[in-house]
C-alpha cells in the first residue's frame, strides 16, 4: 500500500475545545506541507450528528491512519486512550511521528 498523508492525533473524548485545537493543527500542517493530504478526525466526527460509538470511531480512525505515512501528535495526546492507541499503531507501522510540543516547521521536511 502506498501511504501518503498526515493524521492528527490528540484528546477528543471529554476534551473541551478539541475541535479548535485540531483545526489549528490542520492549518499548520497544510501550510508546512502544501498538497499533502491531512486527516482531521475531529472534522470527520463532527459530520456525525448522533456521535458514533467509541469503538466504531476508533476502527474508522485507525483505518484512516493506515493510509498515512505521518502522525502529528497534539500536546494532550498522552491523556487520551484513543491517541495512545494511534501512537502505538504509528510506532508499529514505522510512521514518521511529529510531536506538536517539539515541532518547528523550519526543521521538518515533507
Protein backbone atom coordinates (compact mmCIF):
# COMPACT_ATOMS: atom_id res chain seq x y z
CA UNK A 1 0.00 0.00 0.00
CA UNK A 2 1.26 3.47 -0.87
CA UNK A 3 0.79 5.52 2.29
CA UNK A 4 0.70 9.30 1.99
CA UNK A 5 -0.82 11.76 4.39
CA UNK A 6 -0.67 13.21 7.85
CA UNK A 7 -3.05 12.09 10.57
CA UNK A 8 -3.78 14.40 13.53
CA UNK A 9 -3.99 12.64 16.90
CA UNK A 10 -5.00 14.06 20.27
CA UNK A 11 -7.58 14.01 23.03
CA UNK A 12 -11.22 14.20 21.90
CA UNK A 13 -13.38 12.41 24.48
CA UNK A 14 -14.03 14.80 27.35
CA UNK A 15 -11.60 17.39 25.95
CA UNK A 16 -13.05 20.89 25.74
CA UNK A 17 -12.17 22.87 22.66
CA UNK A 18 -10.78 19.85 20.82
CA UNK A 19 -12.35 20.88 17.50
CA UNK A 20 -10.47 24.19 17.54
CA UNK A 21 -7.16 22.55 18.52
CA UNK A 22 -7.47 20.01 15.71
CA UNK A 23 -8.46 22.73 13.20
CA UNK A 24 -5.46 24.85 14.20
CA UNK A 25 -3.16 21.85 13.79
CA UNK A 26 -4.67 21.11 10.39
CA UNK A 27 -3.94 24.68 9.24
CA UNK A 28 -0.33 24.49 10.49
CA UNK A 29 0.21 21.16 8.74
CA UNK A 30 -1.33 22.33 5.46
CA UNK A 31 0.91 25.39 5.46
CA UNK A 32 4.04 23.36 6.25
CA UNK A 33 3.23 20.51 3.83
CA UNK A 34 1.28 22.01 0.91
CA UNK A 35 -0.55 19.43 -1.16
CA UNK A 36 -0.06 16.62 1.37
CA UNK A 37 -3.37 15.07 2.46
CA UNK A 38 -4.36 15.72 6.09
CA UNK A 39 -6.86 13.62 8.03
CA UNK A 40 -8.51 15.56 10.85
CA UNK A 41 -10.60 13.11 12.88
CA UNK A 42 -12.33 15.95 14.77
CA UNK A 43 -13.75 17.27 11.49
CA UNK A 44 -14.74 13.73 10.49
CA UNK A 45 -16.52 13.06 13.79
CA UNK A 46 -18.36 16.38 13.57
CA UNK A 47 -20.12 15.08 10.44
CA UNK A 48 -21.98 12.50 12.51
CA UNK A 49 -24.71 14.33 14.46
CA UNK A 50 -25.53 11.38 16.75
CA UNK A 51 -21.90 10.64 17.61
CA UNK A 52 -20.98 7.10 16.74
CA UNK A 53 -19.91 4.53 19.30
CA UNK A 54 -16.34 4.97 20.57
CA UNK A 55 -15.01 1.66 19.21
CA UNK A 56 -16.62 2.25 15.81
CA UNK A 57 -14.99 5.66 15.67
CA UNK A 58 -11.62 4.18 16.66
CA UNK A 59 -11.87 1.49 13.97
CA UNK A 60 -12.51 4.15 11.33
CA UNK A 61 -9.71 6.36 12.66
CA UNK A 62 -7.15 3.51 12.76
CA UNK A 63 -8.17 2.59 9.22
CA UNK A 64 -7.63 6.21 8.10
CA UNK A 65 -4.30 6.24 9.95
CA UNK A 66 -3.22 3.15 7.99
CA UNK A 67 -3.29 5.22 4.79
CA UNK A 68 -0.99 7.89 6.25
CA UNK A 69 2.79 7.92 6.50
CA UNK A 70 2.95 10.54 9.28
CA UNK A 71 1.12 11.19 12.54
CA UNK A 72 1.00 14.61 14.21
CA UNK A 73 0.58 14.22 17.97
CA UNK A 74 -1.16 17.13 19.69
CA UNK A 75 0.29 18.15 23.05
CA UNK A 76 -2.55 16.47 25.00
CA UNK A 77 -2.20 13.06 23.37
CA UNK A 78 -0.86 11.27 26.46
CA UNK A 79 -4.15 11.91 28.30
CA UNK A 80 -6.16 10.17 25.58
CA UNK A 81 -6.74 6.43 25.40
CA UNK A 82 -7.51 6.68 21.67
CA UNK A 83 -4.48 8.83 20.86
CA UNK A 84 -2.28 6.34 22.73
CA UNK A 85 -3.69 3.57 20.53
CA UNK A 86 -2.98 5.65 17.44
CA UNK A 87 0.55 6.37 18.67
CA UNK A 88 1.14 2.65 19.22
CA UNK A 89 -0.10 1.91 15.71
CA UNK A 90 2.21 4.58 14.30
CA UNK A 91 5.20 3.13 16.18
CA UNK A 92 4.39 -0.38 14.98
CA UNK A 93 3.98 0.84 11.40
CA UNK A 94 7.27 2.76 11.36
CA UNK A 95 5.48 6.04 10.60
CA UNK A 96 7.04 9.46 10.93
CA UNK A 97 5.89 10.92 14.26
CA UNK A 98 5.72 14.68 14.77
CA UNK A 99 5.04 15.97 18.29
CA UNK A 100 3.29 19.34 18.46
CA UNK A 101 5.36 20.30 21.52
CA UNK A 102 8.63 19.74 19.65
CA UNK A 103 7.54 20.85 16.18
CA UNK A 104 9.31 23.63 14.35
CA UNK A 105 8.07 23.97 10.74
CA UNK A 106 11.51 25.25 9.67
CA UNK A 107 13.15 21.97 10.74
CA UNK A 108 10.76 19.40 9.25
CA UNK A 109 10.76 18.45 5.59
CA UNK A 110 7.83 16.85 3.79
